[in-house]
Amino acid sequence: MKPQSFSKLSQDQSSLCVWRQQVIQASEGSNVKQQLLLQETELLPRFTDHYETLKALPRRMRRALQRQWQRSLAGVALLLALGQAPAMAATINVGG
């Protein structure tokens, strides 16, 4: 296995582990867990992208985000993934 593919595999596994921790943490006292698990196929890639982007930020910026949102870095990534639903445009015919 090439070093790059090993690091990518390791990165994916760590992201999946962090995702699962956030799902458990978010689901305390509500039915959010079921909703997150049902939408996992579309949310997990977005969560992973946001999480990796946030981890790449300088430490000072990461800490500022965590203080501002009062969440862990993974919690912020989950909120970002949940908040970015694709926008659907509609055509409205006016008049005839």
Protein backbone atom coordinates (compact mmCIF):
# COMPACT_ATOMS: atom_id res chain seq x y z
CA MET A 1 0.00 0.00 0.00
CA LYS A 2 1.36 3.41 -0.95
CA PRO A 3 1.96 5.93 1.84
CA GLN A 4 -0.59 8.32 0.30
CA SER A 5 -3.35 5.72 0.16
CA PHE A 6 -2.59 4.63 3.73
CA SER A 7 -2.87 8.21 5.00
CA LYS A 8 -6.12 8.69 3.04
CA LEU A 9 -7.54 5.48 4.54
CA SER A 10 -6.45 6.55 8.01
CA GLN A 11 -7.97 10.00 7.44
CA ASP A 12 -11.28 8.47 6.31
CA GLN A 13 -11.40 6.18 9.34
CA SER A 14 -10.70 9.02 11.75
CA SER A 15 -13.38 11.16 10.09
CA LEU A 16 -15.87 8.30 10.36
CA CYS A 17 -15.01 7.81 14.03
CA VAL A 18 -15.46 11.52 14.72
CA TRP A 19 -18.76 11.49 12.76
CA ARG A 20 -20.08 8.65 14.92
CA GLN A 21 -19.08 10.46 18.11
CA GLN A 22 -20.90 13.59 16.98
CA VAL A 23 -24.03 11.63 16.05
CA ILE A 24 -24.09 10.10 19.51
CA GLN A 25 -23.44 13.44 21.19
CA ALA A 26 -26.06 15.26 19.09
CA SER A 27 -28.67 12.62 19.79
CA GLU A 28 -28.70 12.93 23.56
CA GLY A 29 -32.28 13.52 24.60
CA SER A 30 -33.84 13.64 21.13
CA ASN A 31 -34.55 11.64 17.99
CA VAL A 32 -31.84 13.42 16.04
CA LYS A 33 -29.74 10.26 15.88
CA GLN A 34 -32.26 8.47 13.64
CA GLN A 35 -32.49 11.44 11.30
CA LEU A 36 -28.70 11.75 11.05
CA LEU A 37 -28.29 8.04 10.40
CA LEU A 38 -30.99 8.06 7.72
CA GLN A 39 -29.21 10.89 5.92
CA GLU A 40 -25.71 9.61 6.59
CA THR A 41 -24.93 8.89 2.93
CA GLU A 42 -25.39 12.54 1.98
CA LEU A 43 -24.22 14.16 5.23
CA LEU A 44 -21.04 12.16 5.85
CA PRO A 45 -19.15 13.41 2.76
CA ARG A 46 -20.10 17.02 3.56
CA PHE A 47 -19.14 16.53 7.21
CA THR A 48 -15.79 15.04 6.20
CA ASP A 49 -15.05 17.91 3.81
CA HIS A 50 -15.85 20.53 6.44
CA TYR A 51 -13.96 18.68 9.16
CA GLU A 52 -10.81 18.32 7.05
CA THR A 53 -11.02 21.99 6.01
CA LEU A 54 -11.39 23.09 9.62
CA LYS A 55 -8.50 20.87 10.74
CA ALA A 56 -6.28 22.52 8.11
CA LEU A 57 -6.87 25.99 9.59
CA PRO A 58 -4.21 27.50 11.83
CA ARG A 59 -4.66 26.56 15.47
CA ARG A 60 -5.52 30.10 16.48
CA MET A 61 -8.44 30.20 14.03
CA ARG A 62 -9.66 26.74 15.07
CA ARG A 63 -9.69 27.77 18.72
CA ALA A 64 -11.53 31.01 17.92
CA LEU A 65 -14.22 29.06 16.04
CA GLN A 66 -14.59 26.61 18.89
CA ARG A 67 -14.97 29.42 21.42
CA GLN A 68 -17.43 31.31 19.23
CA TRP A 69 -19.65 28.29 18.52
CA GLN A 70 -19.04 26.67 21.93
CA ARG A 71 -18.57 23.32 20.18
CA SER A 72 -15.74 20.99 19.34
CA LEU A 73 -14.21 21.23 15.88
CA ALA A 74 -16.21 18.17 14.84
CA GLY A 75 -19.36 19.78 16.25
CA VAL A 76 -18.78 22.86 14.12
CA ALA A 77 -18.23 20.64 11.08
CA LEU A 78 -21.51 18.83 11.78
CA LEU A 79 -23.38 22.12 12.07
CA LEU A 80 -21.88 23.28 8.78
CA ALA A 81 -22.82 20.02 7.08
CA LEU A 82 -26.37 20.24 8.38
CA GLY A 83 -26.72 23.87 7.42
CA GLN A 84 -25.79 23.51 3.78
CA ALA A 85 -28.69 21.91 2.04
CA PRO A 86 -28.64 22.24 -1.73
CA ALA A 87 -30.80 25.07 -2.97
CA MET A 88 -33.53 24.15 -5.40
CA ALA A 89 -34.69 26.72 -7.93
CA ALA A 90 -38.28 26.86 -9.06
CA THR A 91 -39.76 28.27 -12.22
CA ILE A 92 -42.91 30.26 -11.60
CA ASN A 93 -45.06 31.09 -14.61
CA VAL A 94 -46.81 34.40 -14.18
CA GLY A 95 -49.71 35.26 -16.40
CA GLY A 96 -50.33 32.64 -18.97
